[in-house]
């Protein structure tokens, strides 16, 4: 009975992962802020939520803490990107809501745990792929939490900072989806840690280029509504 229940969660996890993998590119190519963009963005968000919940359940049940903690890390990216839509008045002194504190606080604890776990194992001489992944994902996740919290408390903000945060959060979540797909299907890539990390190594520069593309458009005096369909929540 136990294995059947876990099997159901695993299949739900796989199905939601495939949905997230294939609908995200649709949201990327349609006009930003349009009804189509919002529709496919929401499908991606909720698919990632299901991926995270099922991964946590299976990870805890199977005593695979790495799977559970990685699920929190990946969903933190998407959740941060989604919450940024509510942060369109940062430049006017907007402060974080309770939900923002919960999202960033939970991710901070989990990512900090991943990093400490990896760092301690490095000190103990354990330098296998698992240690590298814990250290890398923990460090990346912790830096992202710091960056997200910094947005609320730094002295000056760009007016369209919420847009860049939204893009980087959702694109980062998509990288996490590709990473999981790669780890399961691209086992020919060696060493093992590279199966997980190559999407980050390739995708991070692309995210920077993409957000800078929009930053340049807006810095040239173009109104945000001419670039994306802005809706203040």
C-alpha atoms as a PDB file:
ATOM      1  CA  UNK A   1       0.000   0.000   0.000  1.00  0.00           C
ATOM      2  CA  UNK A   2       2.819   2.381   0.921  1.00  0.00           C
ATOM      3  CA  UNK A   3       4.594   1.820  -2.385  1.00  0.00           C
ATOM      4  CA  UNK A   4       1.342   2.376  -4.288  1.00  0.00           C
ATOM      5  CA  UNK A   5       0.810   5.739  -2.597  1.00  0.00           C
ATOM      6  CA  UNK A   6       4.405   6.781  -3.291  1.00  0.00           C
ATOM      7  CA  UNK A   7       3.977   5.601  -6.870  1.00  0.00           C
ATOM      8  CA  UNK A   8       0.937   7.854  -7.307  1.00  0.00           C
ATOM      9  CA  UNK A   9       2.844  10.851  -5.940  1.00  0.00           C
ATOM     10  CA  UNK A  10       5.765  10.032  -8.213  1.00  0.00           C
ATOM     11  CA  UNK A  11       3.575   9.930 -11.327  1.00  0.00           C
ATOM     12  CA  UNK A  12       1.874  13.185 -10.356  1.00  0.00           C
ATOM     13  CA  UNK A  13       5.332  14.673  -9.881  1.00  0.00           C
ATOM     14  CA  UNK A  14       6.461  13.503 -13.326  1.00  0.00           C
ATOM     15  CA  UNK A  15       3.283  14.734 -15.032  1.00  0.00           C
ATOM     16  CA  UNK A  16       3.486  18.166 -13.405  1.00  0.00           C
ATOM     17  CA  UNK A  17       7.180  18.371 -14.286  1.00  0.00           C
ATOM     18  CA  UNK A  18       6.468  17.714 -17.962  1.00  0.00           C
ATOM     19  CA  UNK A  19       3.706  20.327 -17.969  1.00  0.00           C
ATOM     20  CA  UNK A  20       6.089  22.885 -16.465  1.00  0.00           C
ATOM     21  CA  UNK A  21       8.825  21.910 -18.925  1.00  0.00           C
ATOM     22  CA  UNK A  22       6.668  22.477 -22.014  1.00  0.00           C
ATOM     23  CA  UNK A  23       4.356  25.378 -21.080  1.00  0.00           C
ATOM     24  CA  UNK A  24       7.106  27.730 -19.864  1.00  0.00           C
ATOM     25  CA  UNK A  25       8.487  28.354 -23.395  1.00  0.00           C
ATOM     26  CA  UNK A  26       4.963  29.340 -24.499  1.00  0.00           C
ATOM     27  CA  UNK A  27       4.801  31.980 -21.766  1.00  0.00           C
ATOM     28  CA  UNK A  28       8.240  33.193 -22.841  1.00  0.00           C
ATOM     29  CA  UNK A  29       7.370  33.815 -26.498  1.00  0.00           C
ATOM     30  CA  UNK A  30       3.967  35.506 -26.180  1.00  0.00           C
ATOM     31  CA  UNK A  31       3.698  39.221 -25.344  1.00  0.00           C
ATOM     32  CA  UNK A  32       4.696  39.855 -21.739  1.00  0.00           C
ATOM     33  CA  UNK A  33       1.702  40.712 -19.574  1.00  0.00           C
ATOM     34  CA  UNK A  34      -0.871  39.614 -22.176  1.00  0.00           C
ATOM     35  CA  UNK A  35      -3.742  37.301 -21.289  1.00  0.00           C
ATOM     36  CA  UNK A  36      -1.883  34.410 -22.934  1.00  0.00           C
ATOM     37  CA  UNK A  37       1.273  35.183 -20.978  1.00  0.00           C
ATOM     38  CA  UNK A  38      -0.650  35.309 -17.705  1.00  0.00           C
ATOM     39  CA  UNK A  39      -2.516  32.080 -18.512  1.00  0.00           C
ATOM     40  CA  UNK A  40       0.568  30.008 -19.329  1.00  0.00           C
ATOM     41  CA  UNK A  41       2.530  31.655 -16.535  1.00  0.00           C
ATOM     42  CA  UNK A  42      -0.116  30.550 -14.040  1.00  0.00           C
ATOM     43  CA  UNK A  43      -0.119  27.014 -15.457  1.00  0.00           C
ATOM     44  CA  UNK A  44       3.658  26.926 -15.036  1.00  0.00           C
ATOM     45  CA  UNK A  45       3.444  28.319 -11.488  1.00  0.00           C
ATOM     46  CA  UNK A  46       0.864  25.797 -10.290  1.00  0.00           C
ATOM     47  CA  UNK A  47       2.637  22.938 -12.069  1.00  0.00           C
ATOM     48  CA  UNK A  48       5.819  23.877 -10.213  1.00  0.00           C
ATOM     49  CA  UNK A  49       3.863  24.015  -6.957  1.00  0.00           C
ATOM     50  CA  UNK A  50       2.671  20.437  -7.549  1.00  0.00           C
ATOM     51  CA  UNK A  51       6.222  19.396  -8.465  1.00  0.00           C
ATOM     52  CA  UNK A  52       7.522  20.853  -5.209  1.00  0.00           C
ATOM     53  CA  UNK A  53       4.801  19.376  -2.978  1.00  0.00           C
ATOM     54  CA  UNK A  54       5.084  15.878  -4.452  1.00  0.00           C
ATOM     55  CA  UNK A  55       8.904  16.016  -4.330  1.00  0.00           C
ATOM     56  CA  UNK A  56       8.800  16.979  -0.657  1.00  0.00           C
ATOM     57  CA  UNK A  57       6.347  14.162   0.142  1.00  0.00           C
ATOM     58  CA  UNK A  58       8.375  11.536  -1.734  1.00  0.00           C
ATOM     59  CA  UNK A  59      11.667  12.914  -0.410  1.00  0.00           C
ATOM     60  CA  UNK A  60      10.554  12.809   3.228  1.00  0.00           C
ATOM     61  CA  UNK A  61       8.880   9.418   2.821  1.00  0.00           C
ATOM     62  CA  UNK A  62      11.964   7.922   1.175  1.00  0.00           C
ATOM     63  CA  UNK A  63      14.355   9.735   3.526  1.00  0.00           C
ATOM     64  CA  UNK A  64      15.799  11.625   0.549  1.00  0.00           C
ATOM     65  CA  UNK A  65      16.337  15.048   2.091  1.00  0.00           C
ATOM     66  CA  UNK A  66      18.225  16.307  -0.958  1.00  0.00           C
ATOM     67  CA  UNK A  67      15.133  15.826  -3.137  1.00  0.00           C
ATOM     68  CA  UNK A  68      12.901  17.581  -0.601  1.00  0.00           C
ATOM     69  CA  UNK A  69      15.269  20.504  -0.064  1.00  0.00           C
ATOM     70  CA  UNK A  70      15.894  20.902  -3.798  1.00  0.00           C
ATOM     71  CA  UNK A  71      12.129  21.112  -4.293  1.00  0.00           C
ATOM     72  CA  UNK A  72      11.999  24.041  -1.878  1.00  0.00           C
ATOM     73  CA  UNK A  73      14.914  25.719  -3.673  1.00  0.00           C
ATOM     74  CA  UNK A  74      13.297  25.432  -7.125  1.00  0.00           C
ATOM     75  CA  UNK A  75       9.858  26.569  -5.968  1.00  0.00           C
ATOM     76  CA  UNK A  76      11.426  29.501  -4.119  1.00  0.00           C
ATOM     77  CA  UNK A  77      12.582  30.841  -7.493  1.00  0.00           C
ATOM     78  CA  UNK A  78       9.109  30.630  -9.008  1.00  0.00           C
ATOM     79  CA  UNK A  79       7.370  31.918  -5.878  1.00  0.00           C
ATOM     80  CA  UNK A  80       9.732  34.910  -5.742  1.00  0.00           C
ATOM     81  CA  UNK A  81       9.032  35.628  -9.409  1.00  0.00           C
ATOM     82  CA  UNK A  82       5.294  35.442  -8.773  1.00  0.00           C
ATOM     83  CA  UNK A  83       5.422  37.615  -5.651  1.00  0.00           C
ATOM     84  CA  UNK A  84       7.377  40.272  -7.561  1.00  0.00           C
ATOM     85  CA  UNK A  85       4.145  41.059  -9.422  1.00  0.00           C
ATOM     86  CA  UNK A  86       2.893  42.473  -6.114  1.00  0.00           C
ATOM     87  CA  UNK A  87       5.995  44.616  -5.666  1.00  0.00           C
ATOM     88  CA  UNK A  88       5.405  47.232  -8.337  1.00  0.00           C
ATOM     89  CA  UNK A  89       5.738  50.071  -5.834  1.00  0.00           C
ATOM     90  CA  UNK A  90       9.146  49.228  -4.390  1.00  0.00           C
ATOM     91  CA  UNK A  91      10.444  52.547  -5.671  1.00  0.00           C
ATOM     92  CA  UNK A  92       7.787  54.223  -3.506  1.00  0.00           C
ATOM     93  CA  UNK A  93       8.962  52.488  -0.334  1.00  0.00           C
ATOM     94  CA  UNK A  94       6.805  49.350  -0.442  1.00  0.00           C
ATOM     95  CA  UNK A  95       7.666  46.855   2.315  1.00  0.00           C
ATOM     96  CA  UNK A  96       7.398  43.040   2.295  1.00  0.00           C
ATOM     97  CA  UNK A  97       4.142  41.330   3.190  1.00  0.00           C
ATOM     98  CA  UNK A  98       3.877  38.392   5.580  1.00  0.00           C
ATOM     99  CA  UNK A  99       3.871  36.021   2.595  1.00  0.00           C
ATOM    100  CA  UNK A 100       7.178  37.466   1.378  1.00  0.00           C
ATOM    101  CA  UNK A 101       8.753  36.913   4.797  1.00  0.00           C
ATOM    102  CA  UNK A 102       7.475  33.314   4.888  1.00  0.00           C
ATOM    103  CA  UNK A 103       8.728  32.525   1.364  1.00  0.00           C
ATOM    104  CA  UNK A 104      12.169  34.068   1.828  1.00  0.00           C
ATOM    105  CA  UNK A 105      12.553  32.851   5.423  1.00  0.00           C
ATOM    106  CA  UNK A 106      11.718  29.238   4.562  1.00  0.00           C
ATOM    107  CA  UNK A 107      14.039  29.297   1.561  1.00  0.00           C
ATOM    108  CA  UNK A 108      16.773  30.891   3.663  1.00  0.00           C
ATOM    109  CA  UNK A 109      16.652  28.098   6.240  1.00  0.00           C
ATOM    110  CA  UNK A 110      16.592  25.323   3.610  1.00  0.00           C
ATOM    111  CA  UNK A 111      19.298  26.809   1.391  1.00  0.00           C
ATOM    112  CA  UNK A 112      21.453  27.586   4.397  1.00  0.00           C
ATOM    113  CA  UNK A 113      21.089  23.963   5.465  1.00  0.00           C
ATOM    114  CA  UNK A 114      22.121  22.734   2.026  1.00  0.00           C
ATOM    115  CA  UNK A 115      25.192  24.961   2.011  1.00  0.00           C
ATOM    116  CA  UNK A 116      26.295  24.038   5.552  1.00  0.00           C
ATOM    117  CA  UNK A 117      25.809  20.350   4.806  1.00  0.00           C
ATOM    118  CA  UNK A 118      27.967  20.607   1.677  1.00  0.00           C
ATOM    119  CA  UNK A 119      30.591  22.791   3.362  1.00  0.00           C
ATOM    120  CA  UNK A 120      30.979  20.433   6.323  1.00  0.00           C
ATOM    121  CA  UNK A 121      31.369  17.456   3.980  1.00  0.00           C
ATOM    122  CA  UNK A 122      34.049  19.329   2.026  1.00  0.00           C
ATOM    123  CA  UNK A 123      35.944  19.904   5.278  1.00  0.00           C
ATOM    124  CA  UNK A 124      35.600  16.194   6.095  1.00  0.00           C
ATOM    125  CA  UNK A 125      37.166  15.292   2.767  1.00  0.00           C
ATOM    126  CA  UNK A 126      33.978  14.123   1.050  1.00  0.00           C
ATOM    127  CA  UNK A 127      34.207  15.666  -2.412  1.00  0.00           C
ATOM    128  CA  UNK A 128      31.749  13.526  -4.349  1.00  0.00           C
ATOM    129  CA  UNK A 129      29.000  14.793  -6.658  1.00  0.00           C
ATOM    130  CA  UNK A 130      26.483  14.911  -3.810  1.00  0.00           C
ATOM    131  CA  UNK A 131      28.686  17.238  -1.774  1.00  0.00           C
ATOM    132  CA  UNK A 132      29.275  19.514  -4.762  1.00  0.00           C
ATOM    133  CA  UNK A 133      25.542  19.715  -5.464  1.00  0.00           C
ATOM    134  CA  UNK A 134      24.668  20.521  -1.854  1.00  0.00           C
ATOM    135  CA  UNK A 135      27.330  23.211  -1.749  1.00  0.00           C
ATOM    136  CA  UNK A 136      26.468  24.728  -5.141  1.00  0.00           C
ATOM    137  CA  UNK A 137      22.681  24.750  -4.780  1.00  0.00           C
ATOM    138  CA  UNK A 138      22.903  25.905  -1.171  1.00  0.00           C
ATOM    139  CA  UNK A 139      25.158  28.803  -2.109  1.00  0.00           C
ATOM    140  CA  UNK A 140      23.067  29.810  -5.128  1.00  0.00           C
ATOM    141  CA  UNK A 141      19.828  29.607  -3.163  1.00  0.00           C
ATOM    142  CA  UNK A 142      21.222  31.586  -0.224  1.00  0.00           C
ATOM    143  CA  UNK A 143      22.466  34.346  -2.533  1.00  0.00           C
ATOM    144  CA  UNK A 144      19.043  34.536  -4.175  1.00  0.00           C
ATOM    145  CA  UNK A 145      17.339  34.882  -0.793  1.00  0.00           C
ATOM    146  CA  UNK A 146      19.759  37.667   0.127  1.00  0.00           C
ATOM    147  CA  UNK A 147      19.109  39.437  -3.173  1.00  0.00           C
ATOM    148  CA  UNK A 148      15.338  39.183  -2.783  1.00  0.00           C
ATOM    149  CA  UNK A 149      15.392  40.540   0.765  1.00  0.00           C
ATOM    150  CA  UNK A 150      17.798  43.290  -0.246  1.00  0.00           C
ATOM    151  CA  UNK A 151      15.219  44.636  -2.694  1.00  0.00           C
ATOM    152  CA  UNK A 152      12.979  45.675   0.169  1.00  0.00           C
ATOM    153  CA  UNK A 153      15.571  47.428   2.287  1.00  0.00           C
ATOM    154  CA  UNK A 154      18.069  49.096  -0.025  1.00  0.00           C
ATOM    155  CA  UNK A 155      17.877  52.872  -0.286  1.00  0.00           C
ATOM    156  CA  UNK A 156      17.165  53.262  -3.995  1.00  0.00           C
ATOM    157  CA  UNK A 157      15.223  51.173  -6.493  1.00  0.00           C
ATOM    158  CA  UNK A 158      14.734  51.063 -10.210  1.00  0.00           C
ATOM    159  CA  UNK A 159      11.116  51.747 -11.085  1.00  0.00           C
ATOM    160  CA  UNK A 160      10.830  48.501 -13.054  1.00  0.00           C
ATOM    161  CA  UNK A 161      12.788  46.336 -10.652  1.00  0.00           C
ATOM    162  CA  UNK A 162       9.724  44.152 -10.097  1.00  0.00           C
ATOM    163  CA  UNK A 163       9.756  43.231 -13.801  1.00  0.00           C
ATOM    164  CA  UNK A 164      13.371  42.068 -13.753  1.00  0.00           C
ATOM    165  CA  UNK A 165      12.720  40.079 -10.561  1.00  0.00           C
ATOM    166  CA  UNK A 166       9.666  38.461 -12.137  1.00  0.00           C
ATOM    167  CA  UNK A 167      11.593  37.433 -15.225  1.00  0.00           C
ATOM    168  CA  UNK A 168      14.641  36.125 -13.373  1.00  0.00           C
ATOM    169  CA  UNK A 169      12.487  34.215 -10.866  1.00  0.00           C
ATOM    170  CA  UNK A 170      10.383  32.385 -13.430  1.00  0.00           C
ATOM    171  CA  UNK A 171      13.305  31.761 -15.763  1.00  0.00           C
ATOM    172  CA  UNK A 172      15.336  30.480 -12.823  1.00  0.00           C
ATOM    173  CA  UNK A 173      12.477  28.130 -11.954  1.00  0.00           C
ATOM    174  CA  UNK A 174      12.501  26.862 -15.518  1.00  0.00           C
ATOM    175  CA  UNK A 175      16.243  26.202 -15.256  1.00  0.00           C
ATOM    176  CA  UNK A 176      15.490  24.095 -12.176  1.00  0.00           C
ATOM    177  CA  UNK A 177      12.944  22.111 -14.208  1.00  0.00           C
ATOM    178  CA  UNK A 178      15.474  21.512 -16.988  1.00  0.00           C
ATOM    179  CA  UNK A 179      18.045  20.496 -14.353  1.00  0.00           C
ATOM    180  CA  UNK A 180      15.761  17.806 -12.954  1.00  0.00           C
ATOM    181  CA  UNK A 181      14.940  16.568 -16.471  1.00  0.00           C
ATOM    182  CA  UNK A 182      18.654  16.456 -17.293  1.00  0.00           C
ATOM    183  CA  UNK A 183      19.534  14.543 -14.120  1.00  0.00           C
ATOM    184  CA  UNK A 184      16.963  11.849 -14.955  1.00  0.00           C
ATOM    185  CA  UNK A 185      17.493  11.576 -18.707  1.00  0.00           C
ATOM    186  CA  UNK A 186      21.006  12.822 -19.512  1.00  0.00           C
ATOM    187  CA  UNK A 187      22.903  10.250 -17.490  1.00  0.00           C
ATOM    188  CA  UNK A 188      25.560  10.104 -20.225  1.00  0.00           C
ATOM    189  CA  UNK A 189      26.887  13.459 -18.970  1.00  0.00           C
ATOM    190  CA  UNK A 190      29.834  13.000 -16.638  1.00  0.00           C
ATOM    191  CA  UNK A 191      30.577  13.775 -13.874  1.00  0.00           C
ATOM    192  CA  UNK A 192      27.167  13.386 -12.212  1.00  0.00           C
ATOM    193  CA  UNK A 193      27.100  16.868 -10.697  1.00  0.00           C
ATOM    194  CA  UNK A 194      27.323  18.332 -14.212  1.00  0.00           C
ATOM    195  CA  UNK A 195      24.025  16.638 -15.112  1.00  0.00           C
ATOM    196  CA  UNK A 196      22.405  18.943 -12.542  1.00  0.00           C
ATOM    197  CA  UNK A 197      24.469  22.089 -12.956  1.00  0.00           C
ATOM    198  CA  UNK A 198      24.923  22.561 -16.721  1.00  0.00           C
ATOM    199  CA  UNK A 199      21.472  24.224 -17.102  1.00  0.00           C
ATOM    200  CA  UNK A 200      22.491  26.753 -14.444  1.00  0.00           C
ATOM    201  CA  UNK A 201      25.863  27.363 -16.087  1.00  0.00           C
ATOM    202  CA  UNK A 202      24.193  27.913 -19.466  1.00  0.00           C
ATOM    203  CA  UNK A 203      20.956  29.535 -18.334  1.00  0.00           C
ATOM    204  CA  UNK A 204      22.242  32.126 -15.868  1.00  0.00           C
ATOM    205  CA  UNK A 205      24.125  34.193 -18.492  1.00  0.00           C
ATOM    206  CA  UNK A 206      21.047  33.986 -20.746  1.00  0.00           C
ATOM    207  CA  UNK A 207      18.823  35.334 -17.948  1.00  0.00           C
ATOM    208  CA  UNK A 208      21.243  38.216 -17.431  1.00  0.00           C
ATOM    209  CA  UNK A 209      21.217  38.998 -21.162  1.00  0.00           C
ATOM    210  CA  UNK A 210      17.422  38.776 -21.336  1.00  0.00           C
ATOM    211  CA  UNK A 211      16.775  41.060 -18.355  1.00  0.00           C
ATOM    212  CA  UNK A 212      19.407  43.510 -19.591  1.00  0.00           C
ATOM    213  CA  UNK A 213      17.604  43.554 -22.950  1.00  0.00           C
ATOM    214  CA  UNK A 214      14.466  44.859 -21.249  1.00  0.00           C
ATOM    215  CA  UNK A 215      16.452  47.118 -18.929  1.00  0.00           C
ATOM    216  CA  UNK A 216      18.006  48.847 -21.949  1.00  0.00           C
ATOM    217  CA  UNK A 217      14.610  49.252 -23.600  1.00  0.00           C
ATOM    218  CA  UNK A 218      13.191  50.955 -20.528  1.00  0.00           C
ATOM    219  CA  UNK A 219      16.308  53.041 -19.882  1.00  0.00           C
ATOM    220  CA  UNK A 220      15.907  54.640 -23.319  1.00  0.00           C
ATOM    221  CA  UNK A 221      12.757  56.377 -22.193  1.00  0.00           C
ATOM    222  CA  UNK A 222      10.239  53.832 -23.401  1.00  0.00           C
ATOM    223  CA  UNK A 223       7.219  53.416 -21.165  1.00  0.00           C
ATOM    224  CA  UNK A 224       6.749  50.064 -19.470  1.00  0.00           C
ATOM    225  CA  UNK A 225       3.295  49.689 -21.058  1.00  0.00           C
ATOM    226  CA  UNK A 226       4.931  49.903 -24.499  1.00  0.00           C
ATOM    227  CA  UNK A 227       7.128  46.914 -23.646  1.00  0.00           C
ATOM    228  CA  UNK A 228       4.812  44.825 -21.469  1.00  0.00           C
ATOM    229  CA  UNK A 229       1.152  45.012 -20.472  1.00  0.00           C
ATOM    230  CA  UNK A 230       1.485  46.440 -16.969  1.00  0.00           C
ATOM    231  CA  UNK A 231      -1.276  45.785 -14.444  1.00  0.00           C
ATOM    232  CA  UNK A 232      -0.802  47.210 -10.981  1.00  0.00           C
ATOM    233  CA  UNK A 233      -2.116  44.759  -8.377  1.00  0.00           C
END
